[in-house]
C-alpha atoms as a PDB file:
ATOM      1  CA  MET A   1       5.579  -0.584  18.179  1.00  0.00           C
ATOM      2  CA  SER A   2       5.479   1.212  21.447  1.00  0.00           C
ATOM      3  CA  THR A   3       9.161   1.540  22.584  1.00  0.00           C
ATOM      4  CA  GLY A   4       7.763   1.049  26.255  1.00  0.00           C
ATOM      5  CA  HIS A   5       7.458  -2.669  25.696  1.00  0.00           C
ATOM      6  CA  THR A   6      10.986  -3.369  24.625  1.00  0.00           C
ATOM      7  CA  PHE A   7      11.619  -5.364  27.722  1.00  0.00           C
ATOM      8  CA  LEU A   8       8.979  -7.881  26.764  1.00  0.00           C
ATOM      9  CA  ASN A   9      10.051  -8.365  23.117  1.00  0.00           C
ATOM     10  CA  PRO A  10      13.727  -7.594  22.855  1.00  0.00           C
ATOM     11  CA  GLN A  11      14.117  -8.610  19.378  1.00  0.00           C
ATOM     12  CA  MET A  12      11.701  -5.654  18.199  1.00  0.00           C
ATOM     13  CA  THR A  13      13.357  -2.326  17.725  1.00  0.00           C
ATOM     14  CA  CYS A  14      11.820   1.481  17.223  1.00  0.00           C
ATOM     15  CA  GLU A  15      14.568   2.062  14.807  1.00  0.00           C
ATOM     16  CA  PRO A  16      13.162   2.530  11.470  1.00  0.00           C
ATOM     17  CA  ASP A  17      14.330   0.488   8.281  1.00  0.00           C
ATOM     18  CA  ILE A  18      14.742   3.053   5.736  1.00  0.00           C
ATOM     19  CA  THR A  19      15.532   2.790   2.063  1.00  0.00           C
ATOM     20  CA  ILE A  20      16.145   5.649  -0.242  1.00  0.00           C
ATOM     21  CA  THR A  21      15.417   4.991  -3.919  1.00  0.00           C
ATOM     22  CA  ALA A  22      15.465   7.585  -6.658  1.00  0.00           C
ATOM     23  CA  ARG A  23      12.146   8.144  -8.488  1.00  0.00           C
ATOM     24  CA  THR A  24      11.704   7.960 -12.340  1.00  0.00           C
ATOM     25  CA  ASP A  25       9.123   9.078 -14.646  1.00  0.00           C
ATOM     26  CA  ASP A  26       8.003   5.293 -14.989  1.00  0.00           C
ATOM     27  CA  ASP A  27       7.020   5.018 -11.378  1.00  0.00           C
ATOM     28  CA  ASP A  28       3.400   4.509 -11.178  1.00  0.00           C
ATOM     29  CA  CYS A  29       2.729   4.228  -7.588  1.00  0.00           C
ATOM     30  CA  LEU A  30       3.980   3.588  -3.921  1.00  0.00           C
ATOM     31  CA  ILE A  31       2.784   0.900  -1.715  1.00  0.00           C
ATOM     32  CA  LEU A  32       3.165   1.532   1.873  1.00  0.00           C
ATOM     33  CA  ALA A  33       2.438  -1.520   4.027  1.00  0.00           C
ATOM     34  CA  SER A  34       3.137  -3.398   7.096  1.00  0.00           C
ATOM     35  CA  ASN A  35       4.721  -6.946   6.984  1.00  0.00           C
ATOM     36  CA  GLY A  36       1.087  -8.450   7.210  1.00  0.00           C
ATOM     37  CA  LEU A  37       0.961  -7.789   3.386  1.00  0.00           C
ATOM     38  CA  TRP A  38       4.813  -8.283   2.430  1.00  0.00           C
ATOM     39  CA  ASP A  39       5.007 -11.659   4.343  1.00  0.00           C
ATOM     40  CA  VAL A  40       2.579 -13.249   2.071  1.00  0.00           C
ATOM     41  CA  ILE A  41       2.391 -11.108  -1.059  1.00  0.00           C
ATOM     42  CA  SER A  42       5.470 -10.718  -3.263  1.00  0.00           C
ATOM     43  CA  ASN A  43       6.594  -6.912  -4.411  1.00  0.00           C
ATOM     44  CA  GLN A  44       5.680  -7.833  -8.008  1.00  0.00           C
ATOM     45  CA  LYS A  45       2.342  -9.112  -7.397  1.00  0.00           C
ATOM     46  CA  ALA A  46       1.489  -6.165  -4.948  1.00  0.00           C
ATOM     47  CA  CYS A  47       2.636  -3.803  -7.738  1.00  0.00           C
ATOM     48  CA  ASN A  48       0.728  -5.439 -10.665  1.00  0.00           C
ATOM     49  CA  VAL A  49      -2.542  -5.555  -8.372  1.00  0.00           C
ATOM     50  CA  ALA A  50      -2.127  -1.670  -7.553  1.00  0.00           C
ATOM     51  CA  LYS A  51      -1.395  -0.820 -11.043  1.00  0.00           C
ATOM     52  CA  LYS A  52      -4.288  -2.736 -12.311  1.00  0.00           C
ATOM     53  CA  CYS A  53      -6.620  -0.996  -9.642  1.00  0.00           C
ATOM     54  CA  LEU A  54      -5.376   2.452 -10.398  1.00  0.00           C
ATOM     55  CA  GLU A  55      -5.914   1.784 -14.217  1.00  0.00           C
ATOM     56  CA  ASP A  56      -9.575   0.553 -13.675  1.00  0.00           C
ATOM     57  CA  LYS A  57     -11.890   3.438 -14.297  1.00  0.00           C
ATOM     58  CA  SER A  58     -14.871   1.244 -13.908  1.00  0.00           C
ATOM     59  CA  LYS A  59     -14.474   0.977 -10.234  1.00  0.00           C
ATOM     60  CA  CYS A  60     -15.075   4.641  -9.686  1.00  0.00           C
ATOM     61  CA  ALA A  61     -18.294   5.039 -11.368  1.00  0.00           C
ATOM     62  CA  ASN A  62     -19.991   6.313  -8.116  1.00  0.00           C
ATOM     63  CA  ALA A  63     -16.978   8.208  -6.790  1.00  0.00           C
ATOM     64  CA  PRO A  64     -17.592  11.939  -6.236  1.00  0.00           C
ATOM     65  CA  VAL A  65     -16.488  14.315  -9.351  1.00  0.00           C
ATOM     66  CA  GLY A  66     -12.672  14.849  -9.121  1.00  0.00           C
ATOM     67  CA  LYS A  67     -12.087  12.175  -6.374  1.00  0.00           C
ATOM     68  CA  GLU A  68     -11.858   9.346  -8.816  1.00  0.00           C
ATOM     69  CA  GLU A  69      -8.194   8.850  -8.579  1.00  0.00           C
ATOM     70  CA  GLU A  70      -8.412   9.074  -4.795  1.00  0.00           C
ATOM     71  CA  VAL A  71     -10.917   6.423  -4.822  1.00  0.00           C
ATOM     72  CA  ARG A  72      -8.845   4.023  -7.087  1.00  0.00           C
ATOM     73  CA  CYS A  73      -6.025   4.443  -4.513  1.00  0.00           C
ATOM     74  CA  VAL A  74      -8.502   3.403  -1.865  1.00  0.00           C
ATOM     75  CA  CYS A  75      -9.558   0.377  -3.894  1.00  0.00           C
ATOM     76  CA  ALA A  76      -6.120  -0.769  -4.564  1.00  0.00           C
ATOM     77  CA  ALA A  77      -5.291  -0.619  -0.891  1.00  0.00           C
ATOM     78  CA  ILE A  78      -8.311  -2.531  -0.085  1.00  0.00           C
ATOM     79  CA  ARG A  79      -7.644  -5.013  -2.635  1.00  0.00           C
ATOM     80  CA  LEU A  80      -4.012  -5.704  -1.385  1.00  0.00           C
ATOM     81  CA  SER A  81      -5.474  -6.136   2.149  1.00  0.00           C
ATOM     82  CA  ASN A  82      -7.962  -8.582   1.226  1.00  0.00           C
ATOM     83  CA  LEU A  83      -5.269 -10.524  -0.816  1.00  0.00           C
ATOM     84  CA  ALA A  84      -3.231 -10.687   2.268  1.00  0.00           C
ATOM     85  CA  ILE A  85      -5.923 -11.893   4.244  1.00  0.00           C
ATOM     86  CA  ASN A  86      -6.698 -14.521   1.611  1.00  0.00           C
ATOM     87  CA  GLU A  87      -3.126 -15.725   1.795  1.00  0.00           C
ATOM     88  CA  HIS A  88      -3.960 -16.322   5.610  1.00  0.00           C
ATOM     89  CA  SER A  89      -1.632 -13.347   6.630  1.00  0.00           C
ATOM     90  CA  LEU A  90      -0.910 -13.938  10.588  1.00  0.00           C
ATOM     91  CA  ASP A  91       0.206 -10.305  11.352  1.00  0.00           C
ATOM     92  CA  ASP A  92      -1.471  -7.004  11.245  1.00  0.00           C
ATOM     93  CA  ILE A  93      -2.392  -5.470   7.589  1.00  0.00           C
ATOM     94  CA  SER A  94      -1.932  -2.015   6.863  1.00  0.00           C
ATOM     95  CA  VAL A  95      -1.949  -0.663   3.163  1.00  0.00           C
ATOM     96  CA  VAL A  96      -1.627   2.705   1.791  1.00  0.00           C
ATOM     97  CA  VAL A  97      -1.342   3.423  -1.931  1.00  0.00           C
ATOM     98  CA  LEU A  98      -0.176   6.435  -3.364  1.00  0.00           C
ATOM     99  CA  ASP A  99      -0.597   7.145  -7.231  1.00  0.00           C
ATOM    100  CA  LEU A 100       2.318   8.969  -8.266  1.00  0.00           C
ATOM    101  CA  LYS A 101       1.033   9.861 -11.616  1.00  0.00           C
ATOM    102  CA  LEU A 102      -1.671  11.756 -10.085  1.00  0.00           C
ATOM    103  CA  ARG A 103      -1.406  15.447 -10.577  1.00  0.00           C
ATOM    104  CA  HIS A 104      -3.551  18.257  -9.006  1.00  0.00           C
ATOM    105  CA  ASP A 105      -3.647  21.635 -10.204  1.00  0.00           C
ATOM    106  CA  ARG A 106      -2.961  24.164  -7.401  1.00  0.00           C
END
C-alpha cells in the first residue's frame, strides 16, 4: 500500500505485520503471499500444495539443466495462485514459494 493514501483508507497501515519463527531442518518451504491467497486457502492446504509441487519432478521435464528446482518453485506459486482464483478470491493475489531444502554449490 502506498502511504500517501492513508486519508482515503484510515484502517490501512504501512506498518508491517512481522512474525519471527525459528527454522528447523524439517522446514520444506517458505510461502510469501498476499491476503488474496490467505483469505481463501488455509495454511495447511497451501503447505500441502507447495510441498507436492516441489516434490513433483515430472513438472520440470522441459526446465533448463540445473534450474529444475527453481521451476518447481514457480510451478508451486502458480498452482497456489490458481487455487485462490478458483476459490473466488476478491483481493490481489501475489505468491512466492522458496524451497528451503534447495542447496547451491557456491
